[in-house]
Amino acid sequence: MDEMIYIAMTGAKQTEYAQAVNSNNLANVSTTGFRADLHAFSSIAIDGPGVDSRVNAVVETSGTDFRSGPIVTTNRELDIAIQGEGFIAVQAPDGGEAYTRAGALNIDAATGLLQTATGQLVIGNGGPVALPPNAKLEIGSDGTISIVPEGQTPDTLSEIDRIKLVNPAHEDIEKRADGLLYMRDGTAAVADASVTVQSGQLEQSNVNVAKTLVNMIELARQYEMQVNVIKTSEENADAAAQLMRLG
């Protein structure tokens, strides 16, 4: 009985965790550039004294889904979408470098710094991108930012900076709690000239809504089944105790 209850209990606990991961994906179905988290169940034997058949059900975070999301046209000059593979380099909360696919950019009115919708500063050739007051702004396919200064004619278009675009191997990066991607070894990725962007477009979340909803139902049923196993074990234990008293 003890082994049955233990396996069901650990399974129910890990199913709750898997449901949390799944629910987080669903909650971010409208988040620009969001990458879905993946999870998988596994059984791990428990070392030490006790019954050899005792195992612990574990949900392992098996990484991030890096498939591209759908692209929508916004015609906004500060919106950019990565074409194919690659990421936009931004400043992490700790001052280091992180990466994202969220290309809804804006300019901080007080500092003139280019930032993402969630406030991360966009990295350029020499650090955060700073833009002077301008009448027009263009972002080229290679990330080059050009502006027409205020009060100038369109033929005075000049290059200001270039957004750092990178394309590290997926196995070399990891997604953290803040939703940003980081190099596993703590270094900064090298700029990749082959990465291109398209202005006036945004990449949406790559969460498959139908699949995520079906997974939510499956996990709920799995949790219910594990709880029922615990209840059945308790009933069996009570029945066995009654038989022993009769004897």
Protein backbone atom coordinates (compact mmCIF):
# COMPACT_ATOMS: atom_id res chain seq x y z
CA MET A 1 0.00 0.00 0.00
CA ASP A 2 2.75 2.39 0.97
CA GLU A 3 4.46 2.10 -2.43
CA MET A 4 1.18 2.65 -4.28
CA ILE A 5 0.31 5.75 -2.25
CA TYR A 6 3.80 7.19 -2.58
CA ILE A 7 3.90 6.84 -6.36
CA ALA A 8 0.40 8.31 -6.74
CA MET A 9 1.21 11.16 -4.35
CA THR A 10 4.43 12.17 -6.13
CA GLY A 11 2.66 11.82 -9.47
CA ALA A 12 -0.16 14.13 -8.37
CA LYS A 13 2.35 16.69 -7.08
CA GLN A 14 4.31 16.71 -10.33
CA THR A 15 1.12 16.85 -12.38
CA GLU A 16 0.30 20.08 -10.58
CA TYR A 17 3.68 21.45 -11.64
CA ALA A 18 3.13 20.37 -15.24
CA GLN A 19 -0.27 22.05 -15.18
CA ALA A 20 1.38 25.26 -13.96
CA VAL A 21 3.82 25.19 -16.90
CA ASN A 22 0.97 24.50 -19.31
CA SER A 23 -1.17 27.27 -17.82
CA ASN A 24 1.71 29.75 -18.11
CA ASN A 25 1.97 28.94 -21.81
CA LEU A 26 -1.75 29.51 -22.25
CA ALA A 27 -1.60 32.80 -20.33
CA ASN A 28 1.07 34.06 -22.75
CA VAL A 29 -0.74 33.15 -25.96
CA SER A 30 -1.01 36.88 -26.76
CA THR A 31 2.51 37.84 -25.61
CA THR A 32 4.65 39.12 -28.48
CA GLY A 33 7.58 36.84 -29.26
CA PHE A 34 6.79 34.40 -26.41
CA ARG A 35 8.37 30.94 -26.61
CA ALA A 36 6.42 28.06 -25.09
CA ASP A 37 7.99 26.00 -22.29
CA LEU A 38 8.16 22.23 -22.71
CA HIS A 39 7.87 19.55 -20.02
CA ALA A 40 8.05 15.76 -19.76
CA PHE A 41 7.30 13.16 -17.10
CA SER A 42 9.84 10.58 -15.98
CA SER A 43 10.22 8.01 -13.20
CA ILE A 44 13.36 8.15 -11.07
CA ALA A 45 14.29 5.39 -8.64
CA ILE A 46 14.86 6.50 -5.04
CA ASP A 47 18.25 5.48 -3.64
CA GLY A 48 18.73 4.36 -0.07
CA PRO A 49 17.13 1.87 2.32
CA GLY A 50 13.60 0.75 1.53
CA VAL A 51 11.71 -1.11 -1.15
CA ASP A 52 13.48 -1.21 -4.54
CA SER A 53 10.21 -0.65 -6.38
CA ARG A 54 9.75 2.81 -4.87
CA VAL A 55 10.13 5.54 -7.50
CA ASN A 56 9.57 9.25 -7.66
CA ALA A 57 7.47 10.73 -10.48
CA VAL A 58 9.25 13.84 -11.76
CA VAL A 59 8.34 16.51 -14.30
CA GLU A 60 11.44 17.64 -16.12
CA THR A 61 11.50 21.00 -17.87
CA SER A 62 12.78 19.79 -21.21
CA GLY A 63 13.54 23.17 -22.67
CA THR A 64 11.86 25.76 -24.82
CA ASP A 65 9.95 25.52 -28.07
CA PHE A 66 11.97 27.66 -30.48
CA ARG A 67 9.65 27.35 -33.46
CA SER A 68 8.67 30.67 -35.01
CA GLY A 69 5.29 32.20 -34.26
CA PRO A 70 2.93 33.80 -36.77
CA ILE A 71 3.87 37.22 -38.16
CA VAL A 72 1.39 40.11 -38.20
CA THR A 73 1.77 43.41 -40.02
CA THR A 74 1.48 46.55 -37.88
CA ASN A 75 3.08 49.18 -40.19
CA ARG A 76 4.61 50.76 -37.07
CA GLU A 77 8.16 51.93 -37.69
CA LEU A 78 9.44 50.69 -34.31
CA ASP A 79 7.97 47.19 -34.66
CA ILE A 80 10.40 44.56 -35.97
CA ALA A 81 10.13 40.82 -36.51
CA ILE A 82 13.06 38.42 -36.83
CA GLN A 83 12.98 36.61 -40.16
CA GLY A 84 13.77 32.95 -39.48
CA GLU A 85 16.31 32.15 -36.77
CA GLY A 86 17.87 34.69 -34.43
CA PHE A 87 17.26 37.00 -31.48
CA ILE A 88 17.40 40.66 -30.45
CA ALA A 89 20.04 41.48 -27.83
CA VAL A 90 18.77 43.43 -24.81
CA GLN A 91 20.17 44.49 -21.45
CA ALA A 92 19.29 42.04 -18.68
CA PRO A 93 18.11 43.25 -15.24
CA ASP A 94 21.56 42.46 -13.82
CA GLY A 95 23.28 44.59 -16.47
CA GLY A 96 24.36 41.63 -18.56
CA GLU A 97 23.06 40.60 -21.95
CA ALA A 98 19.87 38.67 -22.70
CA TYR A 99 17.91 37.83 -25.84
CA THR A 100 14.32 38.05 -27.01
CA ARG A 101 12.09 37.78 -30.07
CA ALA A 102 9.71 40.47 -28.79
CA GLY A 103 10.17 43.27 -31.32
CA ALA A 104 7.58 45.82 -30.12
CA LEU A 105 10.10 48.60 -29.45
CA ASN A 106 9.63 52.13 -28.17
CA ILE A 107 11.74 55.14 -27.24
CA ASP A 108 11.97 56.30 -23.65
CA ALA A 109 10.75 59.89 -23.67
CA ALA A 110 13.12 60.97 -20.88
CA THR A 111 16.36 59.35 -22.02
CA GLY A 112 15.89 58.67 -25.73
CA LEU A 113 16.95 55.04 -25.20
CA LEU A 114 15.43 52.33 -27.37
CA GLN A 115 13.69 49.65 -25.29
CA THR A 116 11.31 46.73 -25.54
CA ALA A 117 7.67 46.88 -24.45
CA THR A 118 8.68 45.42 -21.07
CA GLY A 119 11.46 47.98 -20.48
CA GLN A 120 14.64 46.11 -21.47
CA LEU A 121 17.15 48.38 -23.24
CA VAL A 122 18.02 47.30 -26.78
CA ILE A 123 21.75 46.69 -27.34
CA GLY A 124 23.55 48.28 -30.29
CA ASN A 125 27.16 48.41 -31.46
CA GLY A 126 28.45 50.00 -28.26
CA GLY A 127 25.79 49.37 -25.64
CA PRO A 128 22.18 50.54 -25.29
CA VAL A 129 20.85 52.31 -28.39
CA ALA A 130 20.26 56.06 -27.84
CA LEU A 131 18.27 58.03 -30.39
CA PRO A 132 18.25 61.83 -30.74
CA PRO A 133 14.98 63.66 -31.49
CA ASN A 134 13.94 62.86 -35.06
CA ALA A 135 11.28 63.48 -37.65
CA LYS A 136 11.51 60.01 -39.18
CA LEU A 137 13.05 56.68 -38.23
CA GLU A 138 13.81 53.59 -40.28
CA ILE A 139 15.10 50.17 -39.24
CA GLY A 140 16.84 48.25 -42.01
CA SER A 141 16.77 44.49 -42.52
CA ASP A 142 20.22 44.19 -40.89
CA GLY A 143 19.08 46.11 -37.80
CA THR A 144 20.60 49.44 -38.88
CA ILE A 145 18.72 52.41 -37.43
CA SER A 146 18.60 55.57 -39.54
CA ILE A 147 16.86 58.83 -38.72
CA VAL A 148 15.97 62.20 -40.21
CA PRO A 149 16.87 64.75 -37.49
CA GLU A 150 14.16 67.14 -36.39
CA GLY A 151 13.88 70.15 -38.69
CA GLN A 152 15.85 68.46 -41.50
CA THR A 153 14.76 67.36 -44.96
CA PRO A 154 14.30 63.65 -45.91
CA ASP A 155 17.59 63.64 -47.83
CA THR A 156 19.49 64.04 -44.54
CA LEU A 157 18.76 60.46 -43.47
CA SER A 158 21.73 59.33 -41.38
CA GLU A 159 22.71 56.07 -39.70
CA ILE A 160 22.69 56.21 -35.88
CA ASP A 161 23.33 52.68 -34.66
CA ARG A 162 22.69 49.03 -35.40
CA ILE A 163 20.65 46.67 -33.27
CA LYS A 164 22.69 43.67 -32.18
CA LEU A 165 21.18 40.53 -33.70
CA VAL A 166 22.48 37.11 -32.65
CA ASN A 167 21.85 33.49 -33.52
CA PRO A 168 23.41 31.16 -30.91
CA ALA A 169 22.70 27.44 -31.01
CA HIS A 170 19.50 26.55 -29.17
CA GLU A 171 21.32 24.15 -26.88
CA ASP A 172 23.58 27.00 -25.73
CA ILE A 173 20.75 29.21 -24.45
CA GLU A 174 18.19 28.84 -21.70
CA LYS A 175 14.98 30.61 -20.78
CA ARG A 176 14.76 32.00 -17.25
CA ALA A 177 11.94 33.14 -14.99
CA ASP A 178 11.91 36.67 -16.44
CA GLY A 179 11.01 35.25 -19.87
CA LEU A 180 14.33 36.28 -21.43
CA LEU A 181 16.90 33.95 -22.97
CA TYR A 182 20.48 33.76 -21.68
CA MET A 183 23.68 32.02 -22.72
CA ARG A 184 24.15 29.00 -20.44
CA ASP A 185 27.83 29.78 -19.87
CA GLY A 186 27.16 33.41 -18.91
CA THR A 187 28.95 34.91 -21.91
CA ALA A 188 27.53 37.29 -24.53
CA ALA A 189 26.57 35.86 -27.91
CA VAL A 190 28.45 37.10 -30.98
CA ALA A 191 26.56 39.34 -33.41
CA ASP A 192 25.45 37.45 -36.52
CA ALA A 193 25.21 39.42 -39.78
CA SER A 194 23.01 36.72 -41.35
CA VAL A 195 20.10 37.49 -39.00
CA THR A 196 17.57 39.83 -40.60
CA VAL A 197 14.50 41.70 -39.43
CA GLN A 198 11.44 43.18 -41.08
CA SER A 199 10.15 46.50 -39.81
CA GLY A 200 6.43 47.15 -39.48
CA GLN A 201 5.81 43.57 -38.38
CA LEU A 202 5.60 41.63 -35.11
CA GLU A 203 6.02 37.96 -34.30
CA GLN A 204 3.30 36.57 -32.09
CA SER A 205 3.53 33.83 -29.44
CA ASN A 206 4.27 30.34 -30.78
CA VAL A 207 1.88 28.69 -28.29
CA ASN A 208 -0.51 26.26 -30.00
CA VAL A 209 -3.80 27.11 -28.26
CA ALA A 210 -5.69 23.95 -29.24
CA LYS A 211 -2.84 21.65 -28.20
CA THR A 212 -2.35 23.52 -24.92
CA LEU A 213 -6.06 23.29 -24.04
CA VAL A 214 -6.13 19.56 -24.80
CA ASN A 215 -3.02 19.09 -22.65
CA MET A 216 -4.72 20.98 -19.81
CA ILE A 217 -7.68 18.57 -19.90
CA GLU A 218 -5.38 15.54 -20.02
CA LEU A 219 -3.39 16.77 -17.01
CA ALA A 220 -6.59 17.43 -15.05
CA ARG A 221 -7.79 13.89 -15.71
CA GLN A 222 -4.38 12.49 -14.84
CA TYR A 223 -4.42 14.35 -11.52
CA GLU A 224 -7.92 13.05 -10.76
CA MET A 225 -6.81 9.48 -11.52
CA GLN A 226 -3.83 9.77 -9.15
CA VAL A 227 -6.02 11.13 -6.35
CA ASN A 228 -8.43 8.22 -6.90
CA VAL A 229 -5.52 5.78 -6.56
CA ILE A 230 -4.71 7.29 -3.16
CA LYS A 231 -8.36 6.97 -2.08
CA THR A 232 -8.52 3.36 -3.31
CA SER A 233 -5.34 2.51 -1.39
CA GLU A 234 -6.88 3.93 1.76
CA GLU A 235 -10.06 1.90 1.23
CA ASN A 236 -8.01 -1.26 0.66
CA ALA A 237 -6.04 -0.62 3.83
CA ASP A 238 -9.26 -0.19 5.83
CA ALA A 239 -10.68 -3.42 4.37
CA ALA A 240 -7.50 -5.33 5.21
CA ALA A 241 -7.56 -3.99 8.78
CA GLN A 242 -11.16 -5.20 9.21
CA LEU A 243 -10.21 -8.68 7.99
CA MET A 244 -7.37 -8.84 10.47
CA ARG A 245 -9.70 -7.89 13.31
CA LEU A 246 -12.13 -10.65 12.27
CA GLY A 247 -9.29 -13.15 12.31
